[in-house]
Amino acid sequence: MSQTFGMETPRGTDPTAHRLPVRYLVVIDSGGSMVARLFLPTRVLAAEFDAMVEEVTVMTQGLTPETGATGPEWDLALQGHNATERAAALVFTLPI
């Protein structure tokens, strides 16, 4: 029989910092299909998925996108896309 009573003591939490929240949602053509790419405030890619999912509609509800991701701040983040795809991209700035 065990000598412990009640619930086990919770383990210590991970002391590392939490991940930053995403700041930008970019809907862009990628080889004939639309993809949604989530970026951190530093424009580092956090996630990529099909842009036709319902979650994209929910995330962008009430937001007005900027058309085009042609600025130098997007050069590294969208380096796999050509100029035409980047010019037609929709950039949503998500509230934090």
Protein backbone atom coordinates (compact mmCIF):
# COMPACT_ATOMS: atom_id res chain seq x y z
CA MET A 1 0.00 0.00 0.00
CA SER A 2 1.27 3.50 -0.85
CA GLN A 3 2.34 5.93 1.84
CA THR A 4 1.14 8.97 -0.16
CA PHE A 5 -2.24 10.54 0.38
CA GLY A 6 -4.31 12.67 -1.95
CA MET A 7 -3.12 13.96 -5.29
CA GLU A 8 0.44 14.00 -6.50
CA THR A 9 2.28 17.34 -6.37
CA PRO A 10 2.24 19.01 -9.80
CA ARG A 11 5.50 19.04 -11.67
CA GLY A 12 7.37 22.32 -12.09
CA THR A 13 6.44 24.48 -15.05
CA ASP A 14 8.72 25.08 -17.99
CA PRO A 15 10.65 28.31 -17.27
CA THR A 16 11.14 29.17 -20.94
CA ALA A 17 9.21 32.07 -22.38
CA HIS A 18 5.93 31.49 -24.15
CA ARG A 19 5.73 31.88 -27.90
CA LEU A 20 4.84 35.33 -29.23
CA PRO A 21 1.29 35.74 -30.56
CA VAL A 22 0.89 35.93 -34.33
CA ARG A 23 0.47 39.42 -35.72
CA TYR A 24 0.00 39.00 -39.48
CA LEU A 25 -2.16 36.74 -41.62
CA VAL A 26 -1.13 36.71 -45.27
CA VAL A 27 -3.43 35.11 -47.83
CA ILE A 28 -1.34 34.47 -50.93
CA ASP A 29 -1.42 32.37 -54.09
CA SER A 30 1.07 29.53 -54.00
CA GLY A 31 1.30 27.58 -57.22
CA GLY A 32 -2.38 27.92 -58.07
CA SER A 33 -3.87 27.41 -54.60
CA MET A 34 -4.47 30.00 -51.92
CA VAL A 35 -2.60 29.54 -48.65
CA ALA A 36 -2.83 31.41 -45.38
CA ARG A 37 0.45 32.09 -43.63
CA LEU A 38 0.64 33.30 -40.04
CA PHE A 39 3.60 35.45 -39.06
CA LEU A 40 4.98 36.66 -35.74
CA PRO A 41 5.57 40.42 -35.27
CA THR A 42 9.14 39.78 -36.43
CA ARG A 43 7.73 38.33 -39.66
CA VAL A 44 8.91 34.83 -38.84
CA LEU A 45 6.57 32.14 -40.17
CA ALA A 46 4.50 30.54 -37.40
CA ALA A 47 2.05 28.41 -39.43
CA GLU A 48 0.81 27.75 -42.95
CA PHE A 49 -2.47 26.18 -44.02
CA ASP A 50 -5.15 26.17 -46.73
CA ALA A 51 -6.78 29.61 -46.99
CA MET A 52 -10.22 28.13 -47.67
CA VAL A 53 -10.74 26.82 -44.14
CA GLU A 54 -13.39 28.38 -41.92
CA GLU A 55 -10.82 29.63 -39.39
CA VAL A 56 -9.47 32.17 -41.87
CA THR A 57 -12.94 33.71 -42.16
CA VAL A 58 -13.27 33.86 -38.39
CA MET A 59 -9.81 35.41 -37.89
CA THR A 60 -10.35 38.09 -40.54
CA GLN A 61 -13.93 39.02 -39.69
CA GLY A 62 -14.17 42.79 -39.35
CA LEU A 63 -10.59 43.40 -40.50
CA THR A 64 -9.60 45.31 -43.63
CA PRO A 65 -6.61 43.83 -45.45
CA GLU A 66 -3.79 45.66 -47.15
CA THR A 67 -3.35 44.53 -50.73
CA GLY A 68 0.19 43.55 -51.56
CA ALA A 69 3.17 42.42 -49.54
CA THR A 70 5.77 44.11 -51.69
CA GLY A 71 7.63 46.08 -49.04
CA PRO A 72 11.18 45.21 -48.01
CA GLU A 73 9.92 43.96 -44.64
CA TRP A 74 8.32 41.00 -46.48
CA ASP A 75 11.32 40.12 -48.67
CA LEU A 76 12.73 37.41 -46.43
CA ALA A 77 9.37 36.11 -45.18
CA LEU A 78 7.90 35.67 -48.68
CA GLN A 79 11.06 34.88 -50.62
CA GLY A 80 9.48 31.78 -52.22
CA HIS A 81 6.79 33.85 -53.93
CA ASN A 82 7.17 35.85 -57.14
CA ALA A 83 6.38 39.55 -57.51
CA THR A 84 2.92 38.92 -58.99
CA GLU A 85 1.87 36.68 -56.08
CA ARG A 86 3.21 39.16 -53.55
CA ALA A 87 1.44 42.10 -55.22
CA ALA A 88 -1.91 40.26 -55.07
CA ALA A 89 -1.48 39.04 -51.47
CA LEU A 90 -3.89 40.14 -48.76
CA VAL A 91 -2.16 41.13 -45.51
CA PHE A 92 -4.29 41.23 -42.38
CA THR A 93 -2.89 42.76 -39.20
CA LEU A 94 -4.40 40.75 -36.36
CA PRO A 95 -5.25 42.38 -33.03
CA ILE A 96 -3.17 41.11 -30.15
